[in-house]
Amino acid sequence: MSQVNACSTRMLRWLIVIVALTYVWITPPFQAPDETLHFFKAYAVSVGGVISVSDEGSLGYHLPVAIANLAEIQFPPNPYTTQAMRYDPRAILAAWAEGSDLKATKFVPFPNMAPYSPTMYLPQAAGYGLAVRLAYLLLGCSMQADSLIP
């Protein structure tokens, strides 16, 4: 009997992994109507914005302009249509290039996400923080290497 349970458990685990990976590949990034708002909230938590602020008559946080420019891009263009929704990577790169100064900030409203507990955003916030520190580390190393070359 225990062999049957072990086999069933193993099959169920594989089924869950297959369904989860299928969902990840079928649904491109930022395709649910509120995904950008979750991204902004997680980024705000990563820079210490545990509590949202009120500005411009809405709740949100002051984020770097490069991140705030993503709010101008519609992900997806219209969530209520039946047409396939795909984001344009060039639009994301253009938004990032326009505001590459991470010191300049802009208020980004995310009123629906403001009441959510910041603890559920900690894994994403840790990932963003690690990515930023890794980018600074890599850029700093490349700049030092360039200064060594005559």
N, C-alpha and C. Protein backbone atom coordinates (compact mmCIF):
# COMPACT_ATOMS: atom_id res chain seq x y z
N MET A 1 0.81 -1.20 0.00
CA MET A 1 0.00 0.00 0.00
C MET A 1 0.86 1.27 0.00
N SER A 2 1.97 1.24 0.76
CA SER A 2 2.82 2.43 0.83
C SER A 2 3.54 2.67 -0.49
N GLN A 3 3.81 1.59 -1.25
CA GLN A 3 4.43 1.76 -2.56
C GLN A 3 3.48 2.49 -3.51
N VAL A 4 2.21 2.21 -3.42
CA VAL A 4 1.21 2.88 -4.26
C VAL A 4 1.13 4.35 -3.89
N ASN A 5 1.13 4.66 -2.59
CA ASN A 5 1.09 6.06 -2.15
C ASN A 5 2.34 6.81 -2.58
N ALA A 6 3.50 6.18 -2.48
CA ALA A 6 4.74 6.82 -2.89
C ALA A 6 4.73 7.10 -4.39
N CYS A 7 4.22 6.14 -5.16
CA CYS A 7 4.14 6.32 -6.62
C CYS A 7 3.15 7.44 -6.96
N SER A 8 2.01 7.44 -6.29
CA SER A 8 1.01 8.49 -6.54
C SER A 8 1.55 9.87 -6.17
N THR A 9 2.25 9.94 -5.06
CA THR A 9 2.83 11.21 -4.63
C THR A 9 3.85 11.71 -5.64
N ARG A 10 4.69 10.81 -6.11
CA ARG A 10 5.70 11.17 -7.10
C ARG A 10 5.04 11.65 -8.40
N MET A 11 4.02 10.93 -8.85
CA MET A 11 3.32 11.33 -10.08
C MET A 11 2.64 12.69 -9.90
N LEU A 12 2.05 12.92 -8.74
CA LEU A 12 1.39 14.20 -8.47
C LEU A 12 2.41 15.34 -8.47
N ARG A 13 3.56 15.12 -7.89
CA ARG A 13 4.61 16.15 -7.89
C ARG A 13 5.05 16.49 -9.31
N TRP A 14 5.27 15.48 -10.14
CA TRP A 14 5.66 15.73 -11.53
C TRP A 14 4.56 16.45 -12.29
N LEU A 15 3.31 16.09 -12.04
CA LEU A 15 2.19 16.76 -12.70
C LEU A 15 2.16 18.24 -12.31
N ILE A 16 2.36 18.53 -11.04
CA ILE A 16 2.38 19.93 -10.58
C ILE A 16 3.51 20.70 -11.25
N VAL A 17 4.69 20.11 -11.33
CA VAL A 17 5.84 20.77 -11.97
C VAL A 17 5.53 21.03 -13.45
N ILE A 18 4.98 20.05 -14.14
CA ILE A 18 4.67 20.21 -15.56
C ILE A 18 3.63 21.30 -15.78
N VAL A 19 2.58 21.32 -14.98
CA VAL A 19 1.53 22.34 -15.12
C VAL A 19 2.10 23.72 -14.81
N ALA A 20 2.90 23.82 -13.76
CA ALA A 20 3.48 25.12 -13.39
C ALA A 20 4.41 25.64 -14.48
N LEU A 21 5.27 24.78 -15.02
CA LEU A 21 6.18 25.22 -16.09
C LEU A 21 5.42 25.59 -17.36
N THR A 22 4.37 24.85 -17.66
CA THR A 22 3.53 25.19 -18.81
C THR A 22 2.92 26.57 -18.64
N TYR A 23 2.41 26.85 -17.44
CA TYR A 23 1.82 28.16 -17.16
C TYR A 23 2.86 29.26 -17.32
N VAL A 24 4.07 29.02 -16.84
CA VAL A 24 5.14 30.02 -16.95
C VAL A 24 5.46 30.30 -18.41
N TRP A 25 5.52 29.28 -19.24
CA TRP A 25 5.88 29.49 -20.65
C TRP A 25 4.73 30.05 -21.47
N ILE A 26 3.51 29.75 -21.10
CA ILE A 26 2.36 30.24 -21.87
C ILE A 26 2.07 31.71 -21.56
N THR A 27 2.28 32.12 -20.32
CA THR A 27 1.97 33.48 -19.90
C THR A 27 3.24 34.32 -19.88
N PRO A 28 3.43 35.18 -20.87
CA PRO A 28 4.63 36.04 -20.89
C PRO A 28 4.60 37.04 -19.73
N PRO A 29 5.74 37.66 -19.43
CA PRO A 29 5.80 38.63 -18.33
C PRO A 29 4.84 39.80 -18.54
N PHE A 30 4.31 40.31 -17.45
CA PHE A 30 3.45 41.50 -17.42
C PHE A 30 2.16 41.34 -18.21
N GLN A 31 1.63 40.15 -18.38
CA GLN A 31 0.45 39.98 -19.20
C GLN A 31 -0.86 39.98 -18.42
N ALA A 32 -0.82 39.83 -17.13
CA ALA A 32 -2.04 39.97 -16.34
C ALA A 32 -2.27 41.47 -16.11
N PRO A 33 -3.52 41.89 -15.99
CA PRO A 33 -3.80 43.32 -15.91
C PRO A 33 -3.11 44.07 -14.78
N ASP A 34 -2.78 43.41 -13.67
CA ASP A 34 -2.18 44.15 -12.55
C ASP A 34 -0.73 43.78 -12.29
N GLU A 35 -0.09 43.10 -13.20
CA GLU A 35 1.29 42.66 -12.97
C GLU A 35 2.27 43.81 -12.80
N THR A 36 2.09 44.89 -13.57
CA THR A 36 3.01 46.02 -13.41
C THR A 36 2.87 46.64 -12.03
N LEU A 37 1.65 46.67 -11.51
CA LEU A 37 1.45 47.25 -10.18
C LEU A 37 2.14 46.41 -9.11
N HIS A 38 2.08 45.08 -9.25
CA HIS A 38 2.81 44.21 -8.33
C HIS A 38 4.31 44.43 -8.46
N PHE A 39 4.78 44.61 -9.68
CA PHE A 39 6.21 44.88 -9.91
C PHE A 39 6.62 46.16 -9.20
N PHE A 40 5.82 47.22 -9.34
CA PHE A 40 6.15 48.49 -8.71
C PHE A 40 6.16 48.36 -7.19
N LYS A 41 5.19 47.66 -6.64
CA LYS A 41 5.14 47.47 -5.18
C LYS A 41 6.36 46.69 -4.71
N ALA A 42 6.72 45.62 -5.41
CA ALA A 42 7.89 44.83 -5.03
C ALA A 42 9.16 45.67 -5.14
N TYR A 43 9.27 46.48 -6.18
CA TYR A 43 10.46 47.33 -6.33
C TYR A 43 10.51 48.35 -5.20
N ALA A 44 9.36 48.92 -4.85
CA ALA A 44 9.32 49.88 -3.74
C ALA A 44 9.78 49.23 -2.45
N VAL A 45 9.36 48.00 -2.20
CA VAL A 45 9.79 47.28 -1.00
C VAL A 45 11.30 47.05 -1.06
N SER A 46 11.83 46.77 -2.25
CA SER A 46 13.27 46.50 -2.37
C SER A 46 14.13 47.72 -2.06
N VAL A 47 13.57 48.92 -2.22
CA VAL A 47 14.33 50.14 -1.91
C VAL A 47 13.91 50.74 -0.57
N GLY A 48 13.21 49.95 0.23
CA GLY A 48 12.84 50.39 1.58
C GLY A 48 11.47 50.99 1.70
N GLY A 49 10.69 50.98 0.64
CA GLY A 49 9.34 51.55 0.68
C GLY A 49 8.33 50.56 1.22
N VAL A 50 8.45 50.26 2.50
CA VAL A 50 7.56 49.28 3.11
C VAL A 50 6.15 49.83 3.21
N ILE A 51 6.03 51.12 3.46
CA ILE A 51 4.72 51.76 3.56
C ILE A 51 4.55 52.68 2.36
N SER A 52 3.46 52.54 1.63
CA SER A 52 3.20 53.40 0.48
C SER A 52 2.91 54.81 0.95
N VAL A 53 3.18 55.77 0.07
CA VAL A 53 2.95 57.17 0.39
C VAL A 53 1.80 57.71 -0.45
N SER A 54 1.21 58.78 0.04
CA SER A 54 0.13 59.43 -0.69
C SER A 54 0.69 60.64 -1.42
N ASP A 55 0.44 60.69 -2.70
CA ASP A 55 0.92 61.81 -3.52
C ASP A 55 0.02 61.87 -4.75
N GLU A 56 -0.20 63.05 -5.25
CA GLU A 56 -1.01 63.24 -6.45
C GLU A 56 -2.40 62.61 -6.28
N GLY A 57 -2.90 62.56 -5.04
CA GLY A 57 -4.24 62.02 -4.79
C GLY A 57 -4.33 60.51 -4.88
N SER A 58 -3.21 59.82 -4.84
CA SER A 58 -3.21 58.37 -4.95
C SER A 58 -2.12 57.79 -4.05
N LEU A 59 -2.20 56.48 -3.82
CA LEU A 59 -1.17 55.80 -3.04
C LEU A 59 -0.17 55.15 -3.99
N GLY A 60 1.09 55.21 -3.63
CA GLY A 60 2.15 54.64 -4.45
C GLY A 60 3.49 54.89 -3.80
N TYR A 61 4.52 55.10 -4.62
CA TYR A 61 5.86 55.34 -4.09
C TYR A 61 6.68 56.09 -5.13
N HIS A 62 7.69 56.81 -4.67
CA HIS A 62 8.60 57.50 -5.58
C HIS A 62 9.67 56.51 -6.01
N LEU A 63 9.66 56.14 -7.28
CA LEU A 63 10.58 55.15 -7.83
C LEU A 63 11.52 55.81 -8.84
N PRO A 64 12.64 55.17 -9.15
CA PRO A 64 13.53 55.73 -10.18
C PRO A 64 12.78 55.94 -11.50
N VAL A 65 13.16 56.98 -12.21
CA VAL A 65 12.47 57.32 -13.47
C VAL A 65 12.49 56.15 -14.45
N ALA A 66 13.59 55.42 -14.50
CA ALA A 66 13.68 54.28 -15.41
C ALA A 66 12.60 53.24 -15.10
N ILE A 67 12.32 53.03 -13.83
CA ILE A 67 11.28 52.09 -13.43
C ILE A 67 9.91 52.72 -13.67
N ALA A 68 9.77 54.00 -13.33
CA ALA A 68 8.49 54.69 -13.51
C ALA A 68 8.07 54.74 -14.97
N ASN A 69 9.03 54.83 -15.88
CA ASN A 69 8.69 54.88 -17.30
C ASN A 69 7.98 53.61 -17.76
N LEU A 70 8.19 52.52 -17.06
CA LEU A 70 7.48 51.29 -17.43
C LEU A 70 5.98 51.45 -17.25
N ALA A 71 5.57 52.37 -16.36
CA ALA A 71 4.14 52.60 -16.15
C ALA A 71 3.48 53.19 -17.39
N GLU A 72 4.27 53.84 -18.23
CA GLU A 72 3.73 54.44 -19.45
C GLU A 72 3.41 53.39 -20.51
N ILE A 73 4.06 52.24 -20.40
CA ILE A 73 3.82 51.16 -21.36
C ILE A 73 2.62 50.37 -20.88
N GLN A 74 1.72 50.09 -21.75
CA GLN A 74 0.54 49.33 -21.37
C GLN A 74 0.82 47.84 -21.45
N PHE A 75 0.75 47.15 -20.32
CA PHE A 75 0.92 45.70 -20.25
C PHE A 75 -0.36 45.09 -19.76
N PRO A 76 -1.13 44.46 -20.49
CA PRO A 76 -1.22 44.39 -21.93
C PRO A 76 -1.97 45.60 -22.46
N PRO A 77 -2.00 45.80 -23.77
CA PRO A 77 -2.67 46.97 -24.33
C PRO A 77 -4.14 47.05 -23.91
N ASN A 78 -4.85 45.97 -23.97
CA ASN A 78 -6.24 45.95 -23.55
C ASN A 78 -6.55 44.56 -23.01
N PRO A 79 -6.62 44.42 -21.69
CA PRO A 79 -6.80 43.09 -21.10
C PRO A 79 -8.16 42.47 -21.39
N TYR A 80 -9.09 43.24 -21.93
CA TYR A 80 -10.44 42.72 -22.15
C TYR A 80 -10.69 42.28 -23.59
N THR A 81 -9.65 42.27 -24.42
CA THR A 81 -9.82 41.80 -25.79
C THR A 81 -9.49 40.32 -25.87
N THR A 82 -9.89 39.71 -26.96
CA THR A 82 -9.59 38.29 -27.15
C THR A 82 -8.31 38.08 -27.95
N GLN A 83 -7.73 39.16 -28.47
CA GLN A 83 -6.52 39.00 -29.25
C GLN A 83 -5.35 38.63 -28.34
N ALA A 84 -4.38 37.97 -28.91
CA ALA A 84 -3.20 37.56 -28.14
C ALA A 84 -2.47 38.79 -27.64
N MET A 85 -2.05 38.76 -26.38
CA MET A 85 -1.38 39.90 -25.79
C MET A 85 0.11 39.59 -25.67
N ARG A 86 0.92 40.45 -26.23
CA ARG A 86 2.36 40.28 -26.14
C ARG A 86 2.98 41.64 -25.85
N TYR A 87 3.98 41.65 -25.00
CA TYR A 87 4.68 42.90 -24.73
C TYR A 87 5.77 43.07 -25.78
N ASP A 88 6.18 44.29 -25.96
CA ASP A 88 7.22 44.60 -26.93
C ASP A 88 8.53 44.88 -26.18
N PRO A 89 9.51 43.99 -26.27
CA PRO A 89 10.77 44.21 -25.54
C PRO A 89 11.45 45.53 -25.90
N ARG A 90 11.25 46.01 -27.13
CA ARG A 90 11.86 47.28 -27.52
C ARG A 90 11.27 48.44 -26.72
N ALA A 91 9.97 48.35 -26.40
CA ALA A 91 9.35 49.41 -25.60
C ALA A 91 9.92 49.43 -24.19
N ILE A 92 10.20 48.26 -23.64
CA ILE A 92 10.79 48.19 -22.30
C ILE A 92 12.21 48.78 -22.33
N LEU A 93 12.99 48.42 -23.34
CA LEU A 93 14.35 48.96 -23.45
C LEU A 93 14.34 50.47 -23.66
N ALA A 94 13.38 50.97 -24.43
CA ALA A 94 13.29 52.40 -24.67
C ALA A 94 12.91 53.13 -23.38
N ALA A 95 11.98 52.57 -22.61
CA ALA A 95 11.59 53.18 -21.34
C ALA A 95 12.77 53.22 -20.38
N TRP A 96 13.56 52.15 -20.39
CA TRP A 96 14.72 52.10 -19.51
C TRP A 96 15.78 53.11 -19.95
N ALA A 97 16.01 53.22 -21.25
CA ALA A 97 17.04 54.13 -21.76
C ALA A 97 16.69 55.59 -21.50
N GLU A 98 15.40 55.93 -21.56
CA GLU A 98 14.99 57.31 -21.34
C GLU A 98 15.27 57.77 -19.92
N GLY A 99 15.20 56.86 -18.97
CA GLY A 99 15.39 57.26 -17.58
C GLY A 99 16.48 56.46 -16.92
N SER A 100 17.64 56.40 -17.52
CA SER A 100 18.70 55.54 -16.99
C SER A 100 19.31 56.08 -15.70
N ASP A 101 18.98 57.31 -15.31
CA ASP A 101 19.47 57.87 -14.06
C ASP A 101 18.63 57.30 -12.91
N LEU A 102 19.24 56.45 -12.09
CA LEU A 102 18.50 55.81 -11.01
C LEU A 102 18.34 56.72 -9.79
N LYS A 103 18.97 57.89 -9.79
CA LYS A 103 18.83 58.82 -8.67
C LYS A 103 17.57 59.68 -8.81
N ALA A 104 17.21 60.02 -10.04
CA ALA A 104 16.00 60.81 -10.26
C ALA A 104 14.78 59.93 -10.03
N THR A 105 13.80 60.47 -9.31
CA THR A 105 12.61 59.67 -8.99
C THR A 105 11.35 60.32 -9.53
N LYS A 106 10.33 59.52 -9.61
CA LYS A 106 9.03 59.96 -10.11
C LYS A 106 7.98 59.16 -9.34
N PHE A 107 6.88 59.80 -8.99
CA PHE A 107 5.83 59.10 -8.25
C PHE A 107 5.09 58.13 -9.17
N VAL A 108 4.96 56.90 -8.71
CA VAL A 108 4.24 55.87 -9.46
C VAL A 108 3.07 55.39 -8.59
N PRO A 109 1.85 55.62 -9.03
CA PRO A 109 0.71 55.16 -8.22
C PRO A 109 0.44 53.67 -8.40
N PHE A 110 0.19 52.99 -7.30
CA PHE A 110 -0.29 51.62 -7.33
C PHE A 110 -1.27 51.45 -6.17
N PRO A 111 -2.42 52.15 -6.26
CA PRO A 111 -3.36 52.18 -5.13
C PRO A 111 -3.94 50.81 -4.76
N ASN A 112 -4.11 49.93 -5.72
CA ASN A 112 -4.67 48.62 -5.42
C ASN A 112 -3.70 47.74 -4.64
N MET A 113 -2.40 47.96 -4.79
CA MET A 113 -1.39 47.14 -4.13
C MET A 113 -0.93 47.75 -2.81
N ALA A 114 -1.22 49.02 -2.57
CA ALA A 114 -0.74 49.71 -1.38
C ALA A 114 -1.15 49.02 -0.07
N PRO A 115 -2.37 48.51 0.04
CA PRO A 115 -2.75 47.88 1.33
C PRO A 115 -2.11 46.51 1.56
N TYR A 116 -1.53 45.91 0.54
CA TYR A 116 -0.97 44.57 0.69
C TYR A 116 0.24 44.60 1.61
N SER A 117 0.39 43.54 2.37
CA SER A 117 1.52 43.41 3.28
C SER A 117 2.83 43.34 2.49
N PRO A 118 3.85 44.06 2.92
CA PRO A 118 5.13 44.00 2.20
C PRO A 118 5.81 42.64 2.31
N THR A 119 5.42 41.83 3.29
CA THR A 119 6.10 40.53 3.46
C THR A 119 5.91 39.63 2.25
N MET A 120 4.77 39.73 1.58
CA MET A 120 4.59 38.86 0.41
C MET A 120 5.44 39.29 -0.78
N TYR A 121 6.00 40.49 -0.71
CA TYR A 121 6.86 40.98 -1.78
C TYR A 121 8.35 40.80 -1.47
N LEU A 122 8.68 40.26 -0.31
CA LEU A 122 10.08 40.13 0.08
C LEU A 122 10.91 39.27 -0.87
N PRO A 123 10.40 38.12 -1.37
CA PRO A 123 11.23 37.36 -2.32
C PRO A 123 11.58 38.14 -3.58
N GLN A 124 10.59 38.83 -4.16
CA GLN A 124 10.87 39.64 -5.35
C GLN A 124 11.79 40.80 -5.02
N ALA A 125 11.56 41.44 -3.87
CA ALA A 125 12.39 42.57 -3.46
C ALA A 125 13.84 42.13 -3.27
N ALA A 126 14.03 40.96 -2.68
CA ALA A 126 15.39 40.44 -2.51
C ALA A 126 16.04 40.19 -3.87
N GLY A 127 15.27 39.68 -4.82
CA GLY A 127 15.80 39.44 -6.16
C GLY A 127 16.18 40.74 -6.85
N TYR A 128 15.34 41.78 -6.73
CA TYR A 128 15.68 43.07 -7.34
C TYR A 128 16.92 43.65 -6.69
N GLY A 129 16.97 43.59 -5.35
CA GLY A 129 18.14 44.13 -4.65
C GLY A 129 19.42 43.42 -5.06
N LEU A 130 19.35 42.11 -5.16
CA LEU A 130 20.52 41.33 -5.58
C LEU A 130 20.92 41.68 -7.01
N ALA A 131 19.95 41.83 -7.90
CA ALA A 131 20.24 42.17 -9.29
C ALA A 131 20.91 43.54 -9.40
N VAL A 132 20.42 44.51 -8.64
CA VAL A 132 21.01 45.86 -8.68
C VAL A 132 22.43 45.82 -8.14
N ARG A 133 22.64 45.13 -7.04
CA ARG A 133 24.00 45.05 -6.48
C ARG A 133 24.95 44.30 -7.40
N LEU A 134 24.45 43.26 -8.03
CA LEU A 134 25.27 42.51 -8.98
C LEU A 134 25.63 43.38 -10.18
N ALA A 135 24.66 44.16 -10.67
CA ALA A 135 24.93 45.06 -11.80
C ALA A 135 25.98 46.10 -11.42
N TYR A 136 25.87 46.68 -10.22
CA TYR A 136 26.88 47.64 -9.78
C TYR A 136 28.24 46.98 -9.65
N LEU A 137 28.27 45.77 -9.13
CA LEU A 137 29.53 45.04 -8.98
C LEU A 137 30.18 44.79 -10.34
N LEU A 138 29.37 44.31 -11.30
CA LEU A 138 29.90 44.03 -12.63
C LEU A 138 30.32 45.30 -13.35
N LEU A 139 29.52 46.35 -13.24
CA LEU A 139 29.88 47.61 -13.89
C LEU A 139 31.11 48.22 -13.24
N GLY A 140 31.20 48.14 -11.92
CA GLY A 140 32.37 48.67 -11.22
C GLY A 140 33.63 47.93 -11.63
N CYS A 141 33.55 46.60 -11.74
CA CYS A 141 34.72 45.81 -12.16
C CYS A 141 35.12 46.16 -13.58
N SER A 142 34.16 46.32 -14.48
CA SER A 142 34.50 46.63 -15.87
C SER A 142 35.10 48.02 -15.99
N MET A 143 34.62 48.97 -15.14
CA MET A 143 35.19 50.31 -15.18
C MET A 143 36.61 50.31 -14.67
N GLN A 144 36.89 49.52 -13.63
CA GLN A 144 38.26 49.44 -13.15
C GLN A 144 39.17 48.78 -14.18
N ALA A 145 38.66 47.76 -14.85
CA ALA A 145 39.47 47.11 -15.87
C ALA A 145 39.76 48.07 -17.02
N ASP A 146 38.78 48.89 -17.40
CA ASP A 146 39.01 49.86 -18.46
C ASP A 146 40.05 50.89 -18.07
N SER A 147 40.07 51.26 -16.80
CA SER A 147 41.05 52.27 -16.38
C SER A 147 42.47 51.71 -16.35
N LEU A 148 42.59 50.38 -16.28
CA LEU A 148 43.92 49.77 -16.28
C LEU A 148 44.51 49.66 -17.67
N ILE A 149 43.64 49.67 -18.68
CA ILE A 149 44.11 49.54 -20.06
C ILE A 149 44.52 50.90 -20.60
N PRO A 150 45.76 51.05 -21.08
CA PRO A 150 46.22 52.37 -21.56
C PRO A 150 45.52 52.79 -22.84
